[in-house]
Amino acid sequence: MTIAECNKPVAENVKKIIDEKGLKQKVVAKKANFAQSAFNAMLQGRRIIKPCDVNAIAQALEIPVNTLYGKD
């Protein structure tokens, strides 16, 4: 299984929520304490999204963690 395949469910949900909220990736990256390039690499499947990353992203988006896993 590739990194992109592992990240796909969470990355797709992150991108969808960013679009729905009308946010910019760089703003979310900053709020989650990631470099913009690192955050982009996660969403593009070039860097694994770890559980601690999911938590930081959820806090930055002000949503429950389960939402990023598609479990509302």
Protein backbone atom coordinates (compact mmCIF):
# COMPACT_ATOMS: atom_id res chain seq x y z
CA MET A 1 0.00 0.00 0.00
CA THR A 2 1.38 3.40 -0.96
CA ILE A 3 1.42 6.54 1.18
CA ALA A 4 -1.19 8.09 -1.11
CA GLU A 5 -3.49 5.10 -0.60
CA CYS A 6 -3.05 5.27 3.18
CA ASN A 7 -3.71 9.01 3.27
CA LYS A 8 -6.53 9.06 0.74
CA PRO A 9 -9.59 8.95 3.04
CA VAL A 10 -8.29 11.61 5.42
CA ALA A 11 -6.69 13.77 2.71
CA GLU A 12 -9.87 13.81 0.65
CA ASN A 13 -11.94 14.81 3.68
CA VAL A 14 -9.47 17.55 4.61
CA LYS A 15 -9.56 18.98 1.09
CA LYS A 16 -13.37 18.82 1.03
CA ILE A 17 -13.71 20.60 4.38
CA ILE A 18 -11.17 23.26 3.39
CA ASP A 19 -13.21 23.92 0.24
CA GLU A 20 -16.53 23.92 2.10
CA LYS A 21 -15.22 26.40 4.67
CA GLY A 22 -13.62 28.56 1.99
CA LEU A 23 -10.20 28.32 3.60
CA LYS A 24 -6.71 28.29 2.12
CA GLN A 25 -4.37 25.33 2.69
CA LYS A 26 -1.64 27.66 3.93
CA VAL A 27 -3.93 29.06 6.63
CA VAL A 28 -4.88 25.58 7.85
CA ALA A 29 -1.23 24.50 7.74
CA LYS A 30 -0.20 27.47 9.87
CA LYS A 31 -2.98 26.87 12.42
CA ALA A 32 -1.92 23.20 12.64
CA ASN A 33 1.76 24.19 13.05
CA PHE A 34 2.89 22.59 9.78
CA ALA A 35 5.06 24.08 7.09
CA GLN A 36 2.89 24.71 4.04
CA SER A 37 5.04 22.33 1.99
CA ALA A 38 4.69 19.55 4.57
CA PHE A 39 0.92 19.95 4.74
CA ASN A 40 0.66 19.91 0.96
CA ALA A 41 2.84 16.78 0.84
CA MET A 42 0.40 15.05 3.23
CA LEU A 43 -2.60 15.98 1.12
CA GLN A 44 -0.85 14.89 -2.10
CA GLY A 45 0.26 11.52 -0.69
CA ARG A 46 3.98 12.25 -0.51
CA ARG A 47 4.13 12.25 3.30
CA ILE A 48 2.23 9.98 5.68
CA ILE A 49 -0.51 11.56 7.79
CA LYS A 50 0.13 10.35 11.34
CA PRO A 51 -2.57 10.22 14.03
CA CYS A 52 -1.04 13.25 15.77
CA ASP A 53 -1.22 15.11 12.44
CA VAL A 54 -4.91 14.25 12.10
CA ASN A 55 -5.54 15.67 15.57
CA ALA A 56 -3.71 18.92 14.73
CA ILE A 57 -5.58 19.27 11.43
CA ALA A 58 -8.95 18.67 13.11
CA GLN A 59 -8.18 21.34 15.71
CA ALA A 60 -7.11 23.77 12.99
CA LEU A 61 -10.35 23.13 11.09
CA GLU A 62 -12.37 23.27 14.34
CA ILE A 63 -14.02 19.92 13.70
CA PRO A 64 -14.10 16.54 15.47
CA VAL A 65 -11.30 14.12 14.55
CA ASN A 66 -13.85 11.50 13.47
CA THR A 67 -15.02 13.81 10.70
CA LEU A 68 -11.62 13.52 9.01
CA TYR A 69 -11.97 9.73 9.08
CA GLY A 70 -15.45 10.05 7.53
CA LYS A 71 -17.20 8.89 10.70
CA ASP A 72 -19.68 11.57 11.69
